[in-house]
């Protein structure tokens, strides 16, 4: 795996933490939030499956702006070669 110098911002990390604590958040939102939090230190990058999930979220009208922000953050930290 290539080193990823991109990190989840503190604002997105806070939003992700709130999403994980929210009992009404969707499974997709919680999945994106967990992935975003795992990238706070920059040691990990978004995997192919999560890239696909985040892409579908951004293309759909059924997800909230908060969920789309998490998806956009993950895609910005993905492998550019993929």
N, C-alpha and C. Protein backbone atom coordinates (compact mmCIF):
# COMPACT_ATOMS: atom_id res chain seq x y z
N UNK A 1 0.84 -1.17 0.00
CA UNK A 1 0.00 0.00 0.00
C UNK A 1 0.88 1.24 0.00
N UNK A 2 0.56 2.21 -0.78
CA UNK A 2 1.28 3.45 -0.89
C UNK A 2 0.96 4.35 0.31
N UNK A 3 1.94 5.11 0.76
CA UNK A 3 1.71 6.04 1.86
C UNK A 3 0.75 7.12 1.39
N UNK A 4 -0.21 7.45 2.22
CA UNK A 4 -1.18 8.48 1.91
C UNK A 4 -0.95 9.66 2.83
N UNK A 5 -0.58 10.80 2.28
CA UNK A 5 -0.31 11.98 3.10
C UNK A 5 -1.58 12.76 3.42
N UNK A 6 -2.71 12.40 2.82
CA UNK A 6 -3.97 13.09 3.07
C UNK A 6 -4.61 12.54 4.34
N UNK A 7 -5.22 13.46 5.09
CA UNK A 7 -5.85 13.08 6.35
C UNK A 7 -7.26 13.64 6.40
N UNK A 8 -8.10 13.00 7.19
CA UNK A 8 -9.45 13.52 7.43
C UNK A 8 -9.33 14.78 8.28
N UNK A 9 -10.02 15.84 7.87
CA UNK A 9 -9.97 17.10 8.61
C UNK A 9 -10.67 16.96 9.96
N UNK A 10 -10.39 17.88 10.85
CA UNK A 10 -11.01 17.82 12.18
C UNK A 10 -12.52 18.02 12.09
N UNK A 11 -12.97 18.85 11.16
CA UNK A 11 -14.41 19.07 10.99
C UNK A 11 -15.13 17.82 10.53
N UNK A 12 -14.55 17.12 9.56
CA UNK A 12 -15.15 15.88 9.07
C UNK A 12 -15.05 14.80 10.14
N UNK A 13 -13.95 14.78 10.88
CA UNK A 13 -13.80 13.80 11.96
C UNK A 13 -14.87 13.99 13.03
N UNK A 14 -15.15 15.24 13.38
CA UNK A 14 -16.21 15.52 14.36
C UNK A 14 -17.57 15.09 13.83
N UNK A 15 -17.81 15.39 12.57
CA UNK A 15 -19.07 14.99 11.93
C UNK A 15 -19.19 13.47 11.90
N UNK A 16 -18.11 12.79 11.62
CA UNK A 16 -18.11 11.33 11.57
C UNK A 16 -18.41 10.75 12.95
N UNK A 17 -17.82 11.33 13.98
CA UNK A 17 -18.06 10.85 15.34
C UNK A 17 -19.52 11.03 15.72
N UNK A 18 -20.09 12.16 15.37
CA UNK A 18 -21.52 12.40 15.66
C UNK A 18 -22.40 11.42 14.90
N UNK A 19 -22.02 11.11 13.68
CA UNK A 19 -22.78 10.16 12.87
C UNK A 19 -22.78 8.78 13.53
N UNK A 20 -21.63 8.37 14.02
CA UNK A 20 -21.54 7.05 14.66
C UNK A 20 -22.34 6.99 15.96
N UNK A 21 -22.48 8.12 16.65
CA UNK A 21 -23.26 8.16 17.89
C UNK A 21 -24.76 8.26 17.64
N UNK A 22 -25.14 8.66 16.44
CA UNK A 22 -26.56 8.89 16.12
C UNK A 22 -27.26 7.57 15.84
N UNK A 23 -28.25 7.20 16.68
CA UNK A 23 -28.95 5.93 16.45
C UNK A 23 -29.82 5.93 15.20
N UNK A 24 -30.10 7.12 14.68
CA UNK A 24 -30.94 7.22 13.48
C UNK A 24 -30.14 7.28 12.18
N UNK A 25 -28.82 7.31 12.28
CA UNK A 25 -27.98 7.37 11.08
C UNK A 25 -28.06 6.04 10.33
N UNK A 26 -28.02 6.12 9.02
CA UNK A 26 -28.10 4.92 8.19
C UNK A 26 -26.81 4.11 8.30
N UNK A 27 -26.92 2.86 7.90
CA UNK A 27 -25.74 1.98 7.90
C UNK A 27 -24.68 2.51 6.94
N UNK A 28 -25.12 3.06 5.83
CA UNK A 28 -24.17 3.62 4.86
C UNK A 28 -23.43 4.80 5.47
N UNK A 29 -24.16 5.69 6.13
CA UNK A 29 -23.54 6.86 6.76
C UNK A 29 -22.54 6.42 7.83
N UNK A 30 -22.90 5.42 8.63
CA UNK A 30 -22.00 4.94 9.67
C UNK A 30 -20.76 4.27 9.07
N UNK A 31 -20.93 3.59 7.96
CA UNK A 31 -19.80 2.97 7.28
C UNK A 31 -18.82 4.03 6.78
N UNK A 32 -19.36 5.07 6.16
CA UNK A 32 -18.52 6.17 5.68
C UNK A 32 -17.84 6.87 6.85
N UNK A 33 -18.57 7.07 7.93
CA UNK A 33 -18.02 7.74 9.11
C UNK A 33 -16.86 6.95 9.70
N UNK A 34 -17.04 5.64 9.81
CA UNK A 34 -15.98 4.80 10.35
C UNK A 34 -14.73 4.85 9.49
N UNK A 35 -14.92 4.84 8.19
CA UNK A 35 -13.78 4.90 7.29
C UNK A 35 -13.08 6.25 7.41
N UNK A 36 -13.86 7.32 7.50
CA UNK A 36 -13.27 8.66 7.64
C UNK A 36 -12.45 8.76 8.92
N UNK A 37 -12.98 8.22 10.02
CA UNK A 37 -12.24 8.27 11.29
C UNK A 37 -10.96 7.45 11.24
N UNK A 38 -10.97 6.38 10.48
CA UNK A 38 -9.75 5.55 10.39
C UNK A 38 -8.64 6.28 9.64
N UNK A 39 -8.98 7.36 8.95
CA UNK A 39 -7.99 8.09 8.16
C UNK A 39 -7.57 9.41 8.80
N UNK A 40 -7.92 9.61 10.05
CA UNK A 40 -7.56 10.86 10.73
C UNK A 40 -6.05 11.04 10.81
N UNK A 41 -5.31 9.97 11.06
CA UNK A 41 -3.86 10.07 11.17
C UNK A 41 -3.15 10.00 9.82
N UNK A 42 -3.87 9.67 8.77
CA UNK A 42 -3.26 9.63 7.45
C UNK A 42 -2.55 8.34 7.11
N UNK A 43 -2.64 7.35 7.98
CA UNK A 43 -1.92 6.10 7.73
C UNK A 43 -2.64 5.22 6.72
N UNK A 44 -3.93 5.42 6.56
CA UNK A 44 -4.71 4.58 5.65
C UNK A 44 -5.29 5.43 4.54
N UNK A 45 -5.63 4.76 3.44
CA UNK A 45 -6.32 5.45 2.35
C UNK A 45 -7.59 4.70 2.04
N UNK A 46 -8.49 5.37 1.36
CA UNK A 46 -9.78 4.78 1.04
C UNK A 46 -9.61 3.59 0.12
N UNK A 47 -10.22 2.47 0.48
CA UNK A 47 -10.16 1.25 -0.34
C UNK A 47 -11.12 1.30 -1.51
N UNK A 48 -10.95 0.37 -2.41
CA UNK A 48 -11.75 0.35 -3.64
C UNK A 48 -13.25 0.20 -3.35
N UNK A 49 -13.61 -0.69 -2.43
CA UNK A 49 -15.03 -0.90 -2.12
C UNK A 49 -15.65 0.36 -1.51
N UNK A 50 -14.90 1.03 -0.64
CA UNK A 50 -15.41 2.25 -0.03
C UNK A 50 -15.48 3.39 -1.05
N UNK A 51 -14.55 3.42 -1.98
CA UNK A 51 -14.61 4.41 -3.07
C UNK A 51 -15.90 4.25 -3.85
N UNK A 52 -16.24 3.00 -4.16
CA UNK A 52 -17.46 2.72 -4.91
C UNK A 52 -18.69 3.15 -4.12
N UNK A 53 -18.71 2.82 -2.83
CA UNK A 53 -19.85 3.20 -1.99
C UNK A 53 -19.98 4.72 -1.92
N UNK A 54 -18.87 5.41 -1.71
CA UNK A 54 -18.89 6.87 -1.61
C UNK A 54 -19.34 7.50 -2.93
N UNK A 55 -18.91 6.94 -4.02
CA UNK A 55 -19.32 7.44 -5.33
C UNK A 55 -20.82 7.30 -5.53
N UNK A 56 -21.39 6.17 -5.12
CA UNK A 56 -22.83 5.97 -5.25
C UNK A 56 -23.60 6.96 -4.37
N UNK A 57 -23.08 7.23 -3.19
CA UNK A 57 -23.73 8.20 -2.30
C UNK A 57 -23.78 9.58 -2.96
N UNK A 58 -22.67 9.99 -3.54
CA UNK A 58 -22.62 11.31 -4.17
C UNK A 58 -23.54 11.42 -5.38
N UNK A 59 -23.78 10.31 -6.05
CA UNK A 59 -24.62 10.33 -7.25
C UNK A 59 -26.11 10.17 -6.93
N UNK A 60 -26.43 9.87 -5.69
CA UNK A 60 -27.82 9.62 -5.31
C UNK A 60 -28.43 10.86 -4.65
N UNK A 61 -29.72 11.03 -4.86
CA UNK A 61 -30.41 12.16 -4.22
C UNK A 61 -31.01 11.78 -2.87
N UNK A 62 -30.90 10.53 -2.47
CA UNK A 62 -31.55 10.10 -1.23
C UNK A 62 -30.72 10.30 0.03
N UNK A 63 -29.45 10.69 -0.11
CA UNK A 63 -28.57 10.85 1.05
C UNK A 63 -28.49 12.32 1.46
N UNK A 64 -28.29 12.53 2.75
CA UNK A 64 -28.21 13.89 3.30
C UNK A 64 -26.90 14.57 2.90
N UNK A 65 -26.87 15.88 3.09
CA UNK A 65 -25.64 16.63 2.80
C UNK A 65 -24.50 16.18 3.71
N UNK A 66 -24.82 15.82 4.95
CA UNK A 66 -23.78 15.33 5.87
C UNK A 66 -23.16 14.04 5.38
N UNK A 67 -24.00 13.12 4.91
CA UNK A 67 -23.49 11.85 4.39
C UNK A 67 -22.67 12.09 3.13
N UNK A 68 -23.13 13.01 2.30
CA UNK A 68 -22.38 13.33 1.08
C UNK A 68 -21.03 13.98 1.41
N UNK A 69 -20.97 14.77 2.47
CA UNK A 69 -19.69 15.37 2.88
C UNK A 69 -18.69 14.30 3.31
N UNK A 70 -19.18 13.30 4.04
CA UNK A 70 -18.31 12.19 4.42
C UNK A 70 -17.82 11.45 3.18
N UNK A 71 -18.72 11.20 2.24
CA UNK A 71 -18.35 10.50 1.00
C UNK A 71 -17.31 11.29 0.21
N UNK A 72 -17.52 12.59 0.11
CA UNK A 72 -16.57 13.42 -0.64
C UNK A 72 -15.20 13.43 0.01
N UNK A 73 -15.17 13.46 1.34
CA UNK A 73 -13.89 13.43 2.04
C UNK A 73 -13.15 12.13 1.75
N UNK A 74 -13.88 11.02 1.78
CA UNK A 74 -13.23 9.72 1.51
C UNK A 74 -12.70 9.66 0.08
N UNK A 75 -13.47 10.16 -0.86
CA UNK A 75 -13.00 10.12 -2.25
C UNK A 75 -11.78 11.01 -2.45
N UNK A 76 -11.70 12.09 -1.70
CA UNK A 76 -10.53 12.98 -1.84
C UNK A 76 -9.26 12.32 -1.29
N UNK A 77 -9.42 11.27 -0.48
CA UNK A 77 -8.27 10.57 0.09
C UNK A 77 -8.00 9.24 -0.59
N UNK A 78 -8.65 9.00 -1.72
CA UNK A 78 -8.49 7.71 -2.39
C UNK A 78 -7.22 7.66 -3.23
N UNK A 79 -6.92 6.48 -3.71
CA UNK A 79 -5.74 6.25 -4.54
C UNK A 79 -6.00 6.83 -5.93
N UNK A 80 -5.21 7.79 -6.34
CA UNK A 80 -5.43 8.43 -7.64
C UNK A 80 -5.19 7.50 -8.81
N UNK A 81 -4.44 6.44 -8.59
CA UNK A 81 -4.13 5.51 -9.69
C UNK A 81 -5.28 4.56 -10.00
N UNK A 82 -6.23 4.45 -9.08
CA UNK A 82 -7.34 3.53 -9.26
C UNK A 82 -8.41 4.13 -10.12
